[in-house]
Protein backbone atom coordinates (compact mmCIF):
# COMPACT_ATOMS: atom_id res chain seq x y z
CA MET A 1 -25.53 -36.25 17.51
CA ARG A 2 -22.89 -33.94 18.70
CA ILE A 3 -19.40 -35.30 17.98
CA VAL A 4 -16.98 -33.63 20.33
CA ARG A 5 -13.28 -33.29 19.66
CA GLN A 6 -13.50 -33.62 16.03
CA PHE A 7 -10.05 -33.61 14.43
CA LEU A 8 -8.56 -33.69 10.71
CA LEU A 9 -7.76 -37.42 11.24
CA ASP A 10 -11.55 -37.97 12.28
CA CYS A 11 -11.86 -36.96 8.76
CA GLY A 12 -14.42 -39.99 6.73
CA SER A 13 -17.99 -41.08 6.73
CA HIS A 14 -19.61 -41.95 10.21
CA THR A 15 -22.38 -44.13 10.71
CA VAL A 16 -24.76 -43.76 13.17
CA ALA A 17 -26.70 -47.07 14.33
CA VAL A 18 -29.83 -46.14 16.49
CA ARG A 19 -31.92 -49.35 18.24
CA TRP A 20 -35.30 -49.51 19.68
CA LYS A 21 -37.85 -51.70 21.36
CA ASP A 22 -41.37 -51.59 19.86
CA GLU A 23 -44.86 -52.66 21.39
CA GLU A 24 -43.89 -56.44 20.37
CA GLU A 25 -40.40 -56.63 21.39
CA VAL A 26 -41.37 -55.54 24.68
CA ASN A 27 -43.94 -58.20 25.12
CA ASN A 28 -41.23 -60.84 23.32
CA PRO A 29 -38.00 -59.68 24.15
CA ALA A 30 -36.49 -63.05 22.45
CA LYS A 31 -37.37 -60.91 19.23
CA PRO A 32 -34.22 -58.63 18.11
CA GLY A 33 -35.15 -55.22 18.00
CA SER A 34 -34.85 -52.98 14.50
CA PHE A 35 -32.29 -50.67 13.55
CA SER A 36 -32.27 -47.32 11.43
CA ARG A 37 -28.89 -46.15 10.41
CA TYR A 38 -27.59 -41.82 9.59
CA SER A 39 -24.49 -41.18 7.80
CA ASP A 40 -22.73 -38.04 8.58
CA ASP A 41 -20.32 -37.07 6.03
CA THR A 42 -19.50 -33.61 7.35
CA GLY A 43 -16.13 -34.94 8.23
CA VAL A 44 -15.46 -35.19 4.01
CA ASN A 45 -16.56 -31.84 3.81
CA ILE A 46 -14.22 -30.29 5.56
CA LEU A 47 -12.67 -27.04 3.19
CA GLN A 48 -9.20 -26.20 2.43
CA PRO A 49 -8.00 -22.63 1.50
CA PRO A 50 -9.52 -22.28 -2.33
CA LEU A 51 -6.97 -21.55 -5.24
CA ILE A 52 -7.38 -17.81 -6.77
CA ILE A 53 -6.88 -18.32 -10.58
CA GLN A 54 -6.00 -14.93 -12.25
CA ASP A 55 -6.32 -15.01 -15.79
CA ARG A 56 -4.64 -13.16 -18.72
CA ILE A 57 -5.64 -9.42 -19.05
CA GLU A 58 -7.98 -8.81 -22.28
CA LEU A 59 -7.74 -6.18 -24.75
CA ASN A 60 -10.88 -4.18 -22.99
CA ARG A 61 -8.46 -4.83 -19.60
CA LEU A 62 -11.05 -7.01 -17.77
CA VAL A 63 -9.68 -9.48 -15.47
CA HIS A 64 -10.88 -12.56 -14.24
CA LEU A 65 -10.32 -14.02 -10.88
CA ARG A 66 -11.37 -17.65 -10.57
CA CYS A 67 -11.91 -19.23 -6.81
CA VAL A 68 -11.33 -23.23 -7.34
CA VAL A 69 -12.59 -25.09 -4.32
CA ARG A 70 -10.26 -27.39 -4.20
CA THR A 71 -11.42 -30.10 -1.37
CA GLY A 72 -15.05 -30.61 0.00
CA GLU A 73 -18.40 -28.99 -1.43
CA ALA A 74 -18.50 -25.03 -0.44
CA ASN A 75 -22.31 -23.35 -0.41
CA GLU A 76 -21.54 -19.89 -0.47
CA ILE A 77 -18.61 -18.13 -1.75
CA LEU A 78 -17.69 -14.37 -1.33
CA TRP A 79 -15.63 -11.93 -2.66
CA PHE A 80 -13.70 -9.10 -0.74
CA GLU A 81 -11.66 -6.12 -2.01
CA ASN A 82 -9.01 -5.24 1.15
CA GLY A 83 -11.43 -6.75 3.82
CA TYR A 84 -14.64 -5.29 2.30
CA PRO A 85 -17.42 -7.15 0.66
CA ILE A 86 -17.57 -6.56 -2.99
CA LYS A 87 -21.35 -6.11 -4.12
CA GLY A 88 -20.75 -5.94 -7.85
CA GLY A 89 -21.51 -2.75 -9.53
CA TYR A 90 -19.63 -1.15 -12.49
CA ILE A 91 -16.07 -2.48 -11.59
CA TYR A 92 -17.33 -5.63 -10.50
CA GLU A 93 -19.13 -8.62 -11.87
CA MET A 94 -19.70 -12.11 -10.84
CA SER A 95 -21.10 -15.00 -12.15
CA ILE A 96 -23.87 -16.67 -11.15
CA ASP A 97 -22.24 -19.26 -8.42
CA ASN A 98 -19.60 -16.45 -7.67
CA LYS A 99 -17.07 -18.71 -8.87
CA THR A 100 -15.33 -15.86 -11.31
CA LEU A 101 -14.72 -12.50 -10.34
CA THR A 102 -14.47 -9.90 -13.51
CA ILE A 103 -12.83 -6.43 -12.94
CA ASN A 104 -13.03 -3.72 -14.58
CA ALA A 105 -9.39 -2.74 -14.39
CA PRO A 106 -8.72 0.79 -15.33
CA GLN A 107 -11.32 1.67 -12.30
CA LEU A 108 -8.84 -0.04 -9.85
CA PRO A 109 -6.36 1.69 -8.10
CA SER A 110 -2.66 0.23 -8.49
CA CYS A 111 -3.05 -2.16 -5.57
CA VAL A 112 -5.28 -4.33 -4.49
CA LEU A 113 -6.11 -7.05 -2.23
CA TYR A 114 -9.03 -9.65 -3.06
CA THR A 115 -9.75 -12.28 -1.12
CA CYS A 116 -12.12 -15.48 -1.91
CA VAL A 117 -14.06 -16.96 0.78
CA VAL A 118 -15.47 -20.59 0.97
CA ARG A 119 -17.81 -21.57 3.48
CA ASN A 120 -20.41 -24.99 4.16
CA LYS A 121 -22.26 -25.87 7.35
CA VAL A 122 -19.14 -27.55 8.82
CA SER A 123 -16.01 -25.21 8.43
CA GLU A 124 -15.41 -21.86 5.85
CA ASN A 125 -11.69 -21.30 4.51
CA ARG A 126 -10.42 -18.14 2.43
CA ASN A 127 -7.14 -17.11 0.55
CA SER A 128 -6.23 -13.79 -0.84
CA HIS A 129 -4.91 -12.57 -4.20
CA LEU A 130 -2.79 -9.32 -4.53
CA PHE A 131 -3.58 -7.53 -7.54
CA LEU A 132 -0.94 -5.21 -9.00
CA ILE A 133 -1.49 -3.08 -12.47
CA GLU A 134 2.47 -1.93 -13.28
CA GLU A 135 1.28 1.08 -15.60
CA LEU A 136 -0.65 2.24 -12.76
CA LEU A 137 1.44 1.70 -9.94
CA LEU A 138 3.97 3.48 -12.41
CA LEU A 139 1.97 5.83 -12.64
CA HIS A 140 1.38 6.28 -9.05
CA GLU A 141 5.02 6.47 -8.00
CA PHE A 142 5.53 9.36 -10.91
CA SER A 143 2.87 11.39 -9.26
CA LEU A 144 4.28 11.03 -5.55
CA VAL A 145 7.91 11.89 -6.70
CA SER A 146 6.71 14.73 -8.39
CA SER A 147 4.39 15.98 -5.50
CA VAL A 148 8.05 15.95 -3.69
CA VAL A 149 9.69 17.82 -6.25
CA ALA A 150 6.82 20.62 -6.23
CA LEU A 151 7.06 21.15 -2.68
CA VAL A 152 10.71 21.79 -2.87
CA SER A 153 10.31 23.96 -5.63
CA THR A 154 7.79 25.67 -4.70
CA SER A 155 9.10 26.19 -1.14
CA MET A 156 12.19 27.64 -2.42
CA SER A 157 10.66 29.91 -4.98
CA TYR A 158 7.93 31.40 -1.99
CA ALA A 159 11.35 32.07 -0.22
CA ALA A 160 12.62 34.00 -2.89
CA GLU A 161 9.21 35.76 -4.08
CA ALA A 162 9.02 36.85 -0.45
CA PHE A 163 12.31 38.21 -0.21
CA ILE A 164 12.30 40.07 -3.92
CA LEU A 165 8.73 41.74 -2.59
CA LEU A 166 9.07 42.48 0.96
CA HIS A 167 12.35 43.62 1.09
CA ALA A 168 14.32 43.99 -2.10
CA PHE A 169 12.07 46.44 -3.94
CA GLN A 170 12.27 48.40 -0.53
CA VAL A 171 15.71 48.88 -1.02
CA TYR A 172 16.95 48.90 -4.51
CA LYS A 173 15.10 52.21 -6.04
CA VAL A 174 17.00 52.23 -9.79
CA HIS A 175 15.02 51.21 -12.54
CA LYS A 176 17.35 48.82 -14.10
CA ARG A 177 17.52 47.14 -10.33
CA HIS A 178 13.73 46.79 -10.73
CA VAL A 179 13.99 45.23 -14.10
CA ILE A 180 16.41 42.28 -12.68
CA LEU A 181 14.14 41.68 -9.57
CA THR A 182 11.32 41.30 -11.84
CA SER A 183 13.02 39.13 -13.95
CA ALA A 184 14.09 37.08 -11.01
CA PHE A 185 10.73 36.75 -9.44
CA VAL A 186 9.04 35.68 -12.94
CA PHE A 187 11.84 33.15 -13.14
CA CYS A 188 11.28 31.98 -9.60
CA HIS A 189 7.57 31.95 -9.78
CA THR A 190 7.62 29.98 -13.44
CA LEU A 191 9.94 27.34 -12.51
CA SER A 192 7.41 26.65 -9.53
CA SER A 193 4.43 26.97 -11.53
CA ILE A 194 5.72 24.25 -14.21
CA SER A 195 6.40 21.53 -11.38
CA LEU A 196 2.94 21.96 -9.70
CA LEU A 197 1.23 22.21 -13.19
CA ILE A 198 3.10 18.92 -13.51
CA SER A 199 2.27 17.13 -10.39
CA THR A 200 -1.58 17.91 -10.38
CA LEU A 201 -1.72 16.78 -13.50
CA LEU A 202 -0.23 13.53 -12.31
CA CYS A 203 -2.14 13.58 -9.66
CA THR A 204 -5.51 14.24 -11.61
CA LEU A 205 -4.90 11.03 -13.66
CA ASP A 206 -3.77 8.83 -10.89
CA SER A 207 -6.28 6.78 -10.34
CA GLY A 208 -4.41 5.32 -6.66
CA TYR A 209 -5.99 8.68 -5.27
CA PRO A 210 -9.55 8.75 -3.77
CA VAL A 211 -12.21 10.55 -6.08
CA ALA A 212 -12.12 13.83 -3.74
CA TYR A 213 -8.06 14.65 -3.41
CA ARG A 214 -8.25 13.99 -7.63
CA MET A 215 -10.79 16.76 -7.77
CA ILE A 216 -8.50 19.17 -5.49
CA GLU A 217 -5.77 18.21 -7.48
CA GLY A 218 -7.31 19.41 -10.85
CA LEU A 219 -9.10 22.35 -9.71
CA ALA A 220 -5.43 23.52 -8.47
CA PHE A 221 -4.50 22.75 -11.88
CA PHE A 222 -6.96 25.35 -13.26
CA LEU A 223 -6.14 27.77 -11.04
CA ILE A 224 -2.50 27.92 -11.42
CA LEU A 225 -2.73 27.78 -15.01
CA PRO A 226 -4.09 31.40 -15.15
CA ASN A 227 -1.75 32.94 -12.78
CA VAL A 228 1.90 31.72 -14.54
CA SER A 229 -0.11 32.75 -18.11
CA PHE A 230 -0.85 36.26 -16.22
CA VAL A 231 2.97 36.66 -14.85
CA LEU A 232 4.43 35.44 -18.76
CA PHE A 233 1.73 37.89 -20.39
CA TYR A 234 2.70 41.19 -18.11
CA PHE A 235 6.57 40.44 -18.21
CA LEU A 236 6.68 39.36 -21.72
CA LYS A 237 4.90 42.83 -22.92
CA PRO A 238 7.05 44.98 -25.57
CA ASP A 239 7.17 47.76 -23.26
CA SER A 240 7.33 45.64 -19.44
CA GLN A 241 11.21 47.23 -19.66
CA GLU A 242 10.49 50.54 -19.80
CA LYS A 243 7.28 50.90 -17.16
CA ARG A 244 6.91 50.22 -13.47
CA PRO A 245 7.54 46.61 -12.35
CA PHE A 246 3.70 44.75 -12.49
CA VAL A 247 4.45 43.09 -9.61
CA ILE A 248 5.57 46.34 -7.41
CA LYS A 249 2.04 47.04 -6.98
CA LYS A 250 0.72 46.82 -3.44
CA VAL A 251 -2.46 44.60 -4.63
CA ARG A 252 -0.56 42.23 -6.72
CA ARG A 253 2.10 42.02 -4.44
CA ASN A 254 -0.49 40.42 -1.67
CA PHE A 255 -1.81 38.70 -4.17
CA PHE A 256 1.47 36.58 -4.65
CA LEU A 257 2.40 36.34 -1.45
CA VAL A 258 -0.95 34.83 -0.54
CA SER A 259 -1.01 32.21 -3.38
CA GLY A 260 2.23 31.26 -3.12
CA ALA A 261 1.59 29.94 0.57
CA ILE A 262 -1.19 28.32 -0.86
CA ALA A 263 0.29 26.72 -3.25
CA ILE A 264 2.70 24.79 -0.71
CA THR A 265 0.27 23.17 0.53
CA ILE A 266 -1.23 21.77 -2.83
CA PRO A 267 1.75 19.44 -2.80
CA LEU A 268 0.84 18.11 0.72
CA ILE A 269 -2.43 16.69 0.26
CA PRO A 270 -1.22 13.71 -2.57
CA ILE A 271 2.51 12.96 -0.74
CA ASN A 272 0.60 12.35 2.37
CA ARG A 273 -1.85 10.10 0.90
CA GLY A 274 1.43 8.38 -1.65
CA LEU A 275 2.97 7.53 1.04
CA TYR A 276 -0.34 5.90 2.84
CA ASN A 277 -0.98 3.98 -0.24
CA GLY A 278 2.60 2.66 -0.80
CA GLU A 279 2.71 1.13 2.52
CA CYS A 280 -0.63 -0.55 2.65
CA CYS A 281 0.45 -2.16 -0.37
CA SER A 282 3.85 -3.33 0.99
CA LYS A 283 1.76 -4.63 3.92
CA GLN A 284 -0.74 -6.69 1.07
CA GLN A 285 2.48 -8.07 -0.45
CA GLN A 286 3.85 -9.18 2.35
CA GLY A 287 0.30 -10.93 3.32
CA SER A 288 -0.17 -12.00 0.12
CA GLY A 289 3.03 -13.60 0.26
CA LEU A 290 2.01 -16.38 2.51
CA VAL A 291 -1.11 -17.56 0.49
CA SER A 292 -0.73 -19.91 -2.72
CA VAL A 293 -2.01 -17.76 -5.92
CA CYS A 294 -1.98 -19.42 -9.50
CA CYS A 295 -2.09 -16.93 -12.84
CA GLU A 296 -2.23 -18.19 -16.03
């Protein structure tokens, strides 16, 4: 039997009576026929959006999300992370009935949208919960701001360094002027290097970035550190003021010009990804505001 145009007002227990004639009744029309009844309770099992309950975060930073079916009976419960099915693993662990999702919070980005989907034979419904880690969100904001500062610092420092290496050393031939120009070069180079070191370190520690981005930033950190150490070592040598400036050599000059140009591109990677993450997180916050979420 198929029920056509079923509405929510039709919910209830439907009974179907089937009457048939046996051979004896065909021969004797006066004998009443038999009846068979079939009860259809599909209307009662129409599911409403489930309730997602987040338990308090434990000391080991494990978080439990429970999907509570408020009406009807669900035959299947599924969990999704930002629209993709969760299959367990190191970060996630699900109970046998899939009603409870355990999350290893320190391994997550700062903003994740979880969705619980409940299904049975006649209906399907879902609800979403935006999971925010305030500490990681704050770290993500710091890393984004430090990347912007590093971009401005490296751009301005590179312009000053290029002017000193390509123009000032050619115009001023006096040794005293060379010493002053070398000091200005070292100051600009050290300032930009420190801002880059802070930016790359924060981005490496920020789980809001993909692993590939964090590896690039970590590699940049270990390349910038010996670079600035080399500059400070030669500048702070006792006889550095008496000899010819170390940056005036053609090989070193070309090295600083090339490495400075590369340094400008390093903050662009986390800035681009950080803005993308912030936009996605704001969209998820707007979307999750339309559903019911309960925290204990």
